[in-house]
Amino acid sequence: MGGCTINFNIPGGGVHTISPMTVLPTITQTVTIDGYTQPGSSQNTNPPTMGLNTVLTIELSGALGGNFPGLIINAANCTVRGLVINSFQHDAIEIDLNGNTIEGNFIGTNTAGTAALPNGSAGLGGVIFVGASSNNTVGGTTPDARNLISGNVGPGISFGGGTGNVVQGDLIGTDVTGTLALGNTDRGVFVNGSNNVIGGTTVDARNIISANARGVDLFGGSNNTVQGNFIGTDVTGTIALPNPNVGVNINGTTNNVIGGLTATPGMPPGNLISGNGNATVGVWLGSSSAQANVIQGNIIGADITGTQPLGNLTGIQIDGPDNTVGGTAAGAGNIIAFNGGGTPVCSAFSAGIWVHNDPAINNALLGNSIFSNAGLGIDLEFDGDPNCIEPNDNCDVDTGPNNLQNYPVITSVISGGGSTNIQGSLNSAANTIYRVEFLTTRSVTHWAMARDKPSLARLTYRLL
């Protein structure tokens, strides 16, 4: 099959189902399998702001077979497009080598894309990349390349250690309309590797990763990028389709980027990470080895407009050191709002940003718009204080999350003549440079710390 193309021209209308009773031969040479060539099939023409209008008439079903994959690709530069692949007890597609493309398919659903016919009853899921399989593409930035990968038992897509893989333009965990839940029972996308990209810097690269057990799971490796996606919402970015265990999980991996510099938070390269519900975290840096990661330009807890509630339980939870949320560059700030249900409570689980555990030090939280969360805007894991605020200590000698950094105390605010004079103090370690951000608020109670608005001004000074 070296460099050949498999086209279809099966007589008769409607869907044609191929149901192997034994495992199909392993693909060992470059091939293109093109289900779109079957008369009656048609490619999707809708952009990622809509669901799919794909019509597929070639179905590869494992309903009559045993515990084996739908397709095994042990070759480079193959393309599988225009197929419905469902009902295999093993994974739908298993890929062992590099440079392959999976585009325009329905994986784990019926031919209409409206109901689950799972692959992976053994827990293996949809598209599985084995070992160091690299430089593969699932989906793409053109309408015809968009996949529907939903309804599988296990992850929708799993990378087992390769680099340079790309996932773009796909519906992962929804039905064909992008508006109803049809989740994979494990992660939407699981990455154990480096230098992989989920999404991209344009709307055309956007994935909808929703209604799975977890949205995106980065586990091992480094330098992965998650950009421009909707994670936990429908295709409109206004309706919640929760990933109930976590939106984005970063565990045991470093130097990853979630989002990027953007003129409008939530628009590419920023992500919309919302709607994951009051049982989980939007973005979880979930271990002490989750280090030097960057979270910028995202909306976390609001809808795509940034103004309406679509919360997670906690916006961001940080368990590791040296991470950055926001930044000082233009377009680095995140909108982190409406998490925890929005009704004020004294609980770190309902914070905008929760810096949690002693290893979580030297985390930079800068330039973000944090408001209308149920808990504190930024919580350094309070220790039972009745006001839900970690008390300041003299000279700031205590340790803990972000070294339990003392907060400034404002003693006077006087407005008049077109200016505002603010006086206050910061009791902290000497001979250190501090950056103080000033924010607006609707409240003068301690809940103002939880319900702040965007920064109005910033002051950097050295405490002597």
Protein backbone atom coordinates (compact mmCIF):
# COMPACT_ATOMS: atom_id res chain seq x y z
CA MET A 1 0.00 0.00 0.00
CA GLY A 2 2.96 2.34 -0.45
CA GLY A 3 1.73 5.86 -1.08
CA CYS A 4 -1.70 4.73 -2.27
CA THR A 5 -5.20 6.05 -1.66
CA ILE A 6 -8.21 3.97 -0.67
CA ASN A 7 -11.33 5.50 -2.19
CA PHE A 8 -14.92 4.28 -1.82
CA ASN A 9 -17.66 3.80 -4.40
CA ILE A 10 -19.98 1.25 -2.83
CA PRO A 11 -23.26 0.84 -4.75
CA GLY A 12 -26.46 1.97 -3.10
CA GLY A 13 -27.41 4.98 -1.04
CA GLY A 14 -27.23 5.63 2.68
CA VAL A 15 -24.62 4.50 5.18
CA HIS A 16 -22.40 1.53 4.38
CA THR A 17 -21.12 -0.31 7.45
CA ILE A 18 -17.94 -2.37 7.50
CA SER A 19 -17.92 -4.72 10.52
CA PRO A 20 -14.70 -6.77 10.78
CA MET A 21 -14.92 -9.91 12.90
CA THR A 22 -11.14 -10.10 13.34
CA VAL A 23 -8.49 -7.42 13.59
CA LEU A 24 -7.76 -5.64 10.31
CA PRO A 25 -4.23 -5.87 8.88
CA THR A 26 -1.83 -3.34 10.36
CA ILE A 27 -1.10 -0.43 8.02
CA THR A 28 2.65 -0.55 7.43
CA GLN A 29 3.09 1.76 4.44
CA THR A 30 1.90 5.28 3.68
CA VAL A 31 -1.78 5.36 2.73
CA THR A 32 -4.73 7.75 2.58
CA ILE A 33 -8.11 6.31 3.56
CA ASP A 34 -10.70 8.75 2.24
CA GLY A 35 -14.29 8.12 3.24
CA TYR A 36 -15.33 11.42 1.67
CA THR A 37 -15.00 9.77 -1.75
CA GLN A 38 -18.11 7.65 -1.11
CA PRO A 39 -21.08 9.12 -3.01
CA GLY A 40 -23.44 10.83 -0.57
CA SER A 41 -20.67 11.94 1.80
CA SER A 42 -19.90 15.62 2.21
CA GLN A 43 -17.31 17.58 4.10
CA ASN A 44 -18.06 20.00 6.90
CA THR A 45 -18.25 23.63 5.83
CA ASN A 46 -18.98 25.22 9.22
CA PRO A 47 -16.33 27.18 11.16
CA PRO A 48 -15.40 26.39 14.81
CA THR A 49 -18.00 28.92 15.99
CA MET A 50 -20.65 26.37 14.93
CA GLY A 51 -21.24 22.64 15.04
CA LEU A 52 -20.54 20.30 12.12
CA ASN A 53 -22.65 19.74 9.00
CA THR A 54 -20.54 16.78 7.90
CA VAL A 55 -22.32 13.87 6.21
CA LEU A 56 -20.45 10.56 6.49
CA THR A 57 -21.57 7.34 4.83
CA ILE A 58 -18.70 4.93 5.54
CA GLU A 59 -18.91 3.40 9.01
CA LEU A 60 -16.22 1.14 10.49
CA SER A 61 -17.93 -0.72 13.33
CA GLY A 62 -16.45 -3.09 15.89
CA ALA A 63 -19.85 -4.35 17.01
CA LEU A 64 -19.18 -7.88 15.69
CA GLY A 65 -15.54 -8.10 16.69
CA GLY A 66 -13.43 -8.80 19.74
CA ASN A 67 -10.93 -6.82 21.78
CA PHE A 68 -8.93 -5.13 19.03
CA PRO A 69 -8.53 -1.60 17.61
CA GLY A 70 -10.39 -0.28 14.62
CA LEU A 71 -7.23 0.74 12.74
CA ILE A 72 -3.58 0.15 13.62
CA ILE A 73 -1.17 2.48 11.83
CA ASN A 74 2.49 1.48 11.99
CA ALA A 75 3.57 3.78 9.19
CA ALA A 76 4.37 7.45 8.67
CA ASN A 77 2.47 10.16 6.78
CA CYS A 78 -0.85 8.36 6.58
CA THR A 79 -4.22 10.13 6.46
CA VAL A 80 -7.56 8.83 7.75
CA ARG A 81 -10.49 11.05 6.80
CA GLY A 82 -14.22 10.93 6.32
CA LEU A 83 -14.96 7.82 8.41
CA VAL A 84 -17.25 6.98 11.30
CA ILE A 85 -15.35 4.64 13.65
CA ASN A 86 -17.26 3.20 16.59
CA SER A 87 -18.03 0.19 18.81
CA PHE A 88 -14.50 -1.24 19.05
CA GLN A 89 -13.58 -2.73 22.42
CA HIS A 90 -10.05 -1.37 21.99
CA ASP A 91 -9.19 2.12 20.73
CA ALA A 92 -10.60 3.40 17.46
CA ILE A 93 -7.23 4.29 15.91
CA GLU A 94 -3.82 3.29 17.25
CA ILE A 95 -0.83 5.14 15.78
CA ASP A 96 2.78 4.08 16.31
CA LEU A 97 4.77 6.31 13.94
CA ASN A 98 5.04 9.94 12.86
CA GLY A 99 3.48 12.54 10.59
CA ASN A 100 -0.03 11.09 10.40
CA THR A 101 -3.27 13.05 9.97
CA ILE A 102 -6.70 12.20 11.40
CA GLU A 103 -9.29 14.57 9.96
CA GLY A 104 -13.00 14.87 9.25
CA ASN A 105 -14.04 11.77 11.19
CA PHE A 106 -16.67 10.86 13.78
CA ILE A 107 -14.97 8.72 16.43
CA GLY A 108 -17.13 7.13 19.13
CA THR A 109 -20.58 8.16 17.86
CA ASN A 110 -23.29 7.02 15.52
CA THR A 111 -23.23 8.18 11.92
CA ALA A 112 -25.35 11.23 12.75
CA GLY A 113 -23.00 12.32 15.54
CA THR A 114 -25.89 12.49 17.99
CA ALA A 115 -25.44 9.39 20.19
CA ALA A 116 -22.53 7.48 21.69
CA LEU A 117 -21.35 4.18 20.19
CA PRO A 118 -18.19 3.98 22.28
CA ASN A 119 -14.81 2.70 21.37
CA GLY A 120 -12.62 1.55 24.21
CA SER A 121 -14.88 -0.59 26.35
CA ALA A 122 -11.53 -1.79 27.74
CA GLY A 123 -10.93 1.83 28.82
CA LEU A 124 -8.62 2.81 25.96
CA GLY A 125 -10.77 5.37 24.16
CA GLY A 126 -10.63 7.12 20.80
CA VAL A 127 -7.36 8.09 19.09
CA ILE A 128 -4.28 6.68 20.84
CA PHE A 129 -0.71 7.61 19.95
CA VAL A 130 1.66 4.97 21.26
CA GLY A 131 5.13 5.72 22.63
CA ALA A 132 7.08 8.49 20.93
CA SER A 133 4.74 8.97 17.97
CA SER A 134 5.39 12.58 16.90
CA ASN A 135 4.35 15.34 14.51
CA ASN A 136 0.84 13.99 14.04
CA THR A 137 -2.24 16.16 13.48
CA VAL A 138 -5.75 15.50 14.75
CA GLY A 139 -8.12 17.88 12.98
CA GLY A 140 -6.86 21.08 11.41
CA THR A 141 -7.71 24.71 10.71
CA THR A 142 -9.89 24.12 7.64
CA PRO A 143 -13.58 23.22 8.10
CA ASP A 144 -13.28 19.85 6.37
CA ALA A 145 -10.56 18.75 8.81
CA ARG A 146 -12.67 19.05 11.97
CA ASN A 147 -13.30 15.79 13.85
CA LEU A 148 -16.02 14.78 16.27
CA ILE A 149 -14.35 12.68 19.01
CA SER A 150 -16.97 11.90 21.62
CA GLY A 151 -18.70 9.14 23.54
CA ASN A 152 -15.64 6.94 24.01
CA VAL A 153 -14.83 4.87 27.11
CA GLY A 154 -11.48 6.34 28.09
CA PRO A 155 -9.78 9.45 26.69
CA GLY A 156 -10.82 11.06 23.44
CA ILE A 157 -7.21 11.63 22.36
CA SER A 158 -4.11 10.33 24.14
CA PHE A 159 -0.46 11.14 23.40
CA GLY A 160 1.91 8.66 25.00
CA GLY A 161 5.23 10.50 24.88
CA GLY A 162 5.75 12.08 21.47
CA THR A 163 6.53 15.67 20.48
CA GLY A 164 5.18 18.12 17.95
CA ASN A 165 1.65 16.73 17.87
CA VAL A 166 -1.24 19.12 17.12
CA VAL A 167 -4.97 18.97 17.97
CA GLN A 168 -7.05 21.66 16.24
CA GLY A 169 -10.62 22.44 15.26
CA ASP A 170 -12.23 19.42 16.89
CA LEU A 171 -15.36 18.79 18.94
CA ILE A 172 -14.18 16.62 21.84
CA GLY A 173 -16.97 15.55 24.18
CA THR A 174 -20.00 17.17 22.54
CA ASP A 175 -22.49 16.04 19.96
CA VAL A 176 -22.26 17.12 16.33
CA THR A 177 -23.99 20.44 17.04
CA GLY A 178 -21.44 21.40 19.67
CA THR A 179 -24.28 22.25 22.06
CA LEU A 180 -25.06 18.95 23.85
CA ALA A 181 -22.93 16.74 26.08
CA LEU A 182 -21.60 13.48 24.61
CA GLY A 183 -18.49 13.13 26.71
CA ASN A 184 -15.58 10.75 26.74
CA THR A 185 -15.45 9.00 30.11
CA ASP A 186 -11.84 10.01 30.83
CA ARG A 187 -9.84 12.98 29.56
CA GLY A 188 -10.78 14.87 26.47
CA VAL A 189 -7.09 15.21 25.60
CA PHE A 190 -4.29 13.49 27.54
CA VAL A 191 -0.68 14.54 26.89
CA ASN A 192 2.38 12.78 28.26
CA GLY A 193 5.05 14.40 26.11
CA SER A 194 6.66 17.69 25.16
CA ASN A 195 6.17 20.49 22.63
CA ASN A 196 2.62 19.52 21.69
CA VAL A 197 -0.09 22.05 20.78
CA ILE A 198 -3.78 21.85 21.70
CA GLY A 199 -5.60 24.58 19.76
CA GLY A 200 -3.76 27.57 18.32
CA THR A 201 -3.63 31.31 17.85
CA THR A 202 -6.66 31.67 15.55
CA VAL A 203 -10.36 30.92 15.93
CA ASP A 204 -10.01 28.31 13.17
CA ALA A 205 -7.77 26.27 15.48
CA ARG A 206 -10.27 26.26 18.37
CA ASN A 207 -11.23 22.94 19.95
CA ILE A 208 -14.39 22.53 22.01
CA ILE A 209 -13.28 20.25 24.87
CA SER A 210 -16.28 19.75 27.11
CA ALA A 211 -18.40 17.20 28.97
CA ASN A 212 -15.49 14.80 29.48
CA ALA A 213 -14.36 13.62 32.91
CA ARG A 214 -11.38 15.97 32.51
CA GLY A 215 -10.83 18.50 29.78
CA VAL A 216 -7.08 18.64 29.07
CA ASP A 217 -4.56 16.68 31.15
CA LEU A 218 -0.85 17.53 30.81
CA PHE A 219 1.00 14.77 32.63
CA GLY A 220 4.75 14.61 32.19
CA GLY A 221 6.94 16.25 29.58
CA SER A 222 7.22 20.02 29.17
CA ASN A 223 6.68 23.00 26.88
CA ASN A 224 3.18 22.08 25.78
CA THR A 225 0.76 24.79 24.63
CA VAL A 226 -3.01 24.98 25.19
CA GLN A 227 -4.41 27.98 23.30
CA GLY A 228 -7.64 29.32 21.85
CA ASN A 229 -9.95 26.56 23.12
CA PHE A 230 -13.34 26.45 24.81
CA ILE A 231 -12.96 24.08 27.76
CA GLY A 232 -16.18 23.39 29.68
CA THR A 233 -18.68 25.21 27.45
CA ASP A 234 -20.66 24.68 24.30
CA VAL A 235 -19.61 25.99 20.90
CA THR A 236 -21.10 29.43 21.64
CA GLY A 237 -19.12 29.93 24.84
CA THR A 238 -22.30 30.81 26.73
CA ILE A 239 -23.66 27.43 27.95
CA ALA A 240 -21.91 25.16 30.46
CA LEU A 241 -20.96 21.62 29.41
CA PRO A 242 -18.82 20.70 32.43
CA ASN A 243 -15.69 18.61 32.57
CA PRO A 244 -16.60 17.65 36.15
CA ASN A 245 -13.15 16.60 37.41
CA VAL A 246 -11.05 19.51 36.09
CA GLY A 247 -10.87 21.87 33.11
CA VAL A 248 -7.08 21.85 32.58
CA ASN A 249 -4.80 19.76 34.79
CA ILE A 250 -1.01 20.26 34.84
CA ASN A 251 0.71 17.57 36.87
CA GLY A 252 4.38 16.62 36.88
CA THR A 253 5.20 18.89 33.95
CA THR A 254 6.91 22.25 33.50
CA ASN A 255 7.11 25.29 31.22
CA ASN A 256 3.68 24.86 29.68
CA VAL A 257 1.64 27.79 28.34
CA ILE A 258 -2.11 28.04 28.89
CA GLY A 259 -3.32 30.90 26.68
CA GLY A 260 -1.10 33.79 25.62
CA LEU A 261 -0.99 37.53 25.05
CA THR A 262 -4.30 38.70 23.61
CA ALA A 263 -6.13 41.97 23.06
CA THR A 264 -9.35 40.37 24.33
CA PRO A 265 -9.23 37.76 27.12
CA GLY A 266 -10.73 34.45 26.04
CA MET A 267 -10.01 35.05 22.36
CA PRO A 268 -7.07 33.25 20.72
CA PRO A 269 -4.50 32.62 21.94
CA GLY A 270 -6.47 32.90 25.18
CA ASN A 271 -8.77 30.07 26.24
CA LEU A 272 -12.27 30.10 27.67
CA ILE A 273 -12.06 27.76 30.69
CA SER A 274 -15.48 28.01 32.29
CA GLY A 275 -18.63 26.09 33.07
CA ASN A 276 -16.86 23.16 34.72
CA GLY A 277 -19.19 23.47 37.71
CA ASN A 278 -19.06 23.81 41.48
CA ALA A 279 -17.19 20.55 42.00
CA THR A 280 -13.89 21.20 40.27
CA VAL A 281 -11.09 23.58 39.31
CA GLY A 282 -10.77 25.55 36.09
CA VAL A 283 -6.96 25.26 35.88
CA TRP A 284 -5.15 23.07 38.40
CA LEU A 285 -1.37 23.11 38.73
CA GLY A 286 -1.78 19.88 40.59
CA SER A 287 1.56 18.91 42.09
CA SER A 288 4.76 20.35 43.53
CA SER A 289 6.46 19.47 40.23
CA ALA A 290 4.05 21.68 38.23
CA GLN A 291 6.59 24.48 37.86
CA ALA A 292 7.30 27.50 35.65
CA ASN A 293 3.98 27.33 33.83
CA VAL A 294 2.33 30.44 32.36
CA ILE A 295 -1.43 31.19 32.38
CA GLN A 296 -2.28 34.31 30.37
CA GLY A 297 -5.11 35.89 28.41
CA ASN A 298 -7.84 33.47 29.48
CA ILE A 299 -11.37 33.82 30.75
CA ILE A 300 -11.81 31.50 33.73
CA GLY A 301 -15.30 31.34 35.22
CA ALA A 302 -17.24 33.75 32.99
CA ASP A 303 -18.84 33.31 29.59
CA ILE A 304 -17.09 34.41 26.40
CA THR A 305 -18.22 38.01 26.96
CA GLY A 306 -16.44 38.06 30.32
CA THR A 307 -19.56 39.48 31.98
CA GLN A 308 -21.92 36.56 32.73
CA PRO A 309 -21.47 33.76 35.30
CA LEU A 310 -20.26 30.40 33.99
CA GLY A 311 -18.14 29.35 36.93
CA ASN A 312 -15.86 26.62 38.06
CA LEU A 313 -15.52 25.73 41.77
CA THR A 314 -12.07 27.34 42.03
CA GLY A 315 -10.71 29.42 39.17
CA ILE A 316 -7.05 28.40 39.45
CA GLN A 317 -5.42 26.17 42.07
CA ILE A 318 -1.62 26.28 42.35
CA ASP A 319 0.27 23.51 44.15
CA GLY A 320 3.72 24.10 42.61
CA PRO A 321 6.33 26.90 42.56
CA ASP A 322 7.48 29.57 40.11
CA ASN A 323 4.33 29.77 38.00
CA THR A 324 2.92 32.95 36.43
CA VAL A 325 -0.76 33.92 36.27
CA GLY A 326 -1.16 37.07 34.19
CA GLY A 327 1.86 39.32 33.80
CA THR A 328 3.05 42.85 33.16
CA ALA A 329 2.92 42.77 29.35
CA ALA A 330 -0.10 44.09 27.46
CA GLY A 331 -2.68 41.33 27.02
CA ALA A 332 -1.25 39.05 29.71
CA GLY A 333 -4.05 39.43 32.24
CA ASN A 334 -6.78 36.86 32.79
CA ILE A 335 -10.42 37.43 33.69
CA ILE A 336 -11.09 35.20 36.71
CA ALA A 337 -14.69 35.63 37.83
CA PHE A 338 -17.88 33.98 39.11
CA ASN A 339 -16.13 30.88 40.47
CA GLY A 340 -17.62 29.04 43.44
CA GLY A 341 -21.14 30.04 42.51
CA GLY A 342 -20.57 33.76 43.04
CA THR A 343 -22.28 33.90 46.47
CA PRO A 344 -19.72 34.95 49.12
CA VAL A 345 -18.50 32.08 51.30
CA CYS A 346 -15.45 31.61 53.51
CA SER A 347 -13.79 28.77 51.60
CA ALA A 348 -10.55 28.51 49.66
CA PHE A 349 -12.34 26.09 47.34
CA SER A 350 -14.36 29.03 45.99
CA ALA A 351 -11.46 31.41 45.39
CA GLY A 352 -10.48 33.07 42.16
CA ILE A 353 -6.88 31.90 42.64
CA TRP A 354 -6.00 29.47 45.42
CA VAL A 355 -2.28 29.13 46.16
CA HIS A 356 -2.24 25.86 48.05
CA ASN A 357 0.41 23.88 49.96
CA ASP A 358 3.87 24.84 51.18
CA PRO A 359 5.75 24.00 47.93
CA ALA A 360 3.67 26.62 46.08
CA ILE A 361 6.04 29.59 46.45
CA ASN A 362 7.32 32.34 44.14
CA ASN A 363 4.17 32.33 42.05
CA ALA A 364 3.58 35.64 40.24
CA LEU A 365 -0.08 36.77 40.15
CA LEU A 366 -0.12 40.00 38.15
CA GLY A 367 -2.41 42.18 36.09
CA ASN A 368 -5.53 40.04 36.31
CA SER A 369 -9.18 41.06 36.56
CA ILE A 370 -10.52 39.05 39.51
CA PHE A 371 -14.11 39.65 40.60
CA SER A 372 -17.42 38.13 41.72
CA ASN A 373 -15.88 34.90 42.99
CA ALA A 374 -17.55 33.34 46.02
CA GLY A 375 -14.30 33.21 48.00
CA LEU A 376 -11.31 35.51 48.09
CA GLY A 377 -9.89 36.80 44.84
CA ILE A 378 -6.49 35.41 45.85
CA ASP A 379 -6.36 32.96 48.75
CA LEU A 380 -3.09 31.82 50.32
CA GLU A 381 -4.87 28.95 52.10
CA PHE A 382 -6.26 30.56 55.24
CA ASP A 383 -5.82 28.65 58.49
CA GLY A 384 -9.25 28.97 60.04
CA ASP A 385 -9.29 32.73 60.52
CA PRO A 386 -12.96 33.71 61.08
CA ASN A 387 -12.67 36.49 58.50
CA CYS A 388 -11.39 34.06 55.86
CA ILE A 389 -8.20 36.11 55.46
CA GLU A 390 -4.72 34.93 56.42
CA PRO A 391 -3.63 37.51 59.05
CA ASN A 392 -0.53 39.60 58.50
CA ASP A 393 2.47 38.87 60.70
CA ASN A 394 5.24 41.23 61.77
CA CYS A 395 8.04 41.42 59.17
CA ASP A 396 6.37 38.60 57.21
CA VAL A 397 8.58 35.81 58.55
CA ASP A 398 6.04 32.99 58.22
CA THR A 399 6.12 30.31 55.53
CA GLY A 400 3.49 28.61 53.41
CA PRO A 401 1.86 29.15 50.02
CA ASN A 402 3.64 32.10 48.36
CA ASN A 403 5.34 32.43 51.77
CA LEU A 404 1.99 33.73 53.07
CA GLN A 405 2.88 37.15 51.70
CA ASN A 406 1.42 39.97 53.81
CA TYR A 407 -1.09 42.21 52.08
CA PRO A 408 -0.99 46.05 52.12
CA VAL A 409 -3.27 47.85 54.56
CA ILE A 410 -4.95 51.00 53.21
CA THR A 411 -5.52 53.57 55.95
CA SER A 412 -6.92 56.50 53.99
CA VAL A 413 -8.54 57.23 50.62
CA ILE A 414 -9.33 60.86 49.80
CA SER A 415 -10.75 61.89 46.43
CA GLY A 416 -11.13 65.41 45.13
CA GLY A 417 -10.00 67.81 42.47
CA GLY A 418 -9.77 65.07 39.87
CA SER A 419 -7.33 62.93 41.86
CA THR A 420 -7.33 60.31 44.59
CA ASN A 421 -4.83 60.17 47.45
CA ILE A 422 -4.28 56.71 48.91
CA GLN A 423 -2.28 56.13 52.07
CA GLY A 424 -1.33 52.82 53.57
CA SER A 425 1.45 50.52 54.64
CA LEU A 426 2.97 47.13 53.98
CA ASN A 427 4.59 45.19 56.82
CA SER A 428 6.90 42.70 55.15
CA ALA A 429 10.52 41.64 54.78
CA ALA A 430 13.04 44.47 54.43
CA ASN A 431 15.39 45.13 51.51
CA THR A 432 12.93 43.62 49.06
CA ILE A 433 11.14 45.06 46.02
CA TYR A 434 7.35 44.78 46.09
CA ARG A 435 4.71 45.43 43.46
CA VAL A 436 1.33 46.67 44.70
CA GLU A 437 -1.71 46.66 42.40
CA PHE A 438 -4.66 48.98 43.09
CA LEU A 439 -8.13 47.82 42.13
CA THR A 440 -11.68 49.13 42.19
CA THR A 441 -14.36 47.51 44.31
CA ARG A 442 -18.05 47.82 45.09
CA SER A 443 -17.62 46.95 48.78
CA VAL A 444 -15.75 48.25 51.82
CA THR A 445 -16.01 44.97 53.72
CA HIS A 446 -13.41 42.22 53.68
CA TRP A 447 -15.34 40.65 50.79
CA ALA A 448 -13.92 43.43 48.64
CA MET A 449 -10.78 41.32 48.53
CA ALA A 450 -12.79 38.63 46.79
CA ARG A 451 -14.73 40.80 44.39
CA ASP A 452 -12.22 43.16 42.85
CA LYS A 453 -12.26 44.64 39.38
CA PRO A 454 -9.38 45.23 36.96
CA SER A 455 -6.23 46.98 38.11
CA LEU A 456 -6.35 50.77 37.93
CA ALA A 457 -2.71 51.40 38.80
CA ARG A 458 0.43 49.63 39.93
CA LEU A 459 3.25 50.72 42.21
CA THR A 460 6.64 49.06 42.55
CA TYR A 461 8.83 50.06 45.48
CA ARG A 462 11.57 48.80 47.79
CA LEU A 463 10.74 48.24 51.44
CA LEU A 464 13.70 49.31 53.60
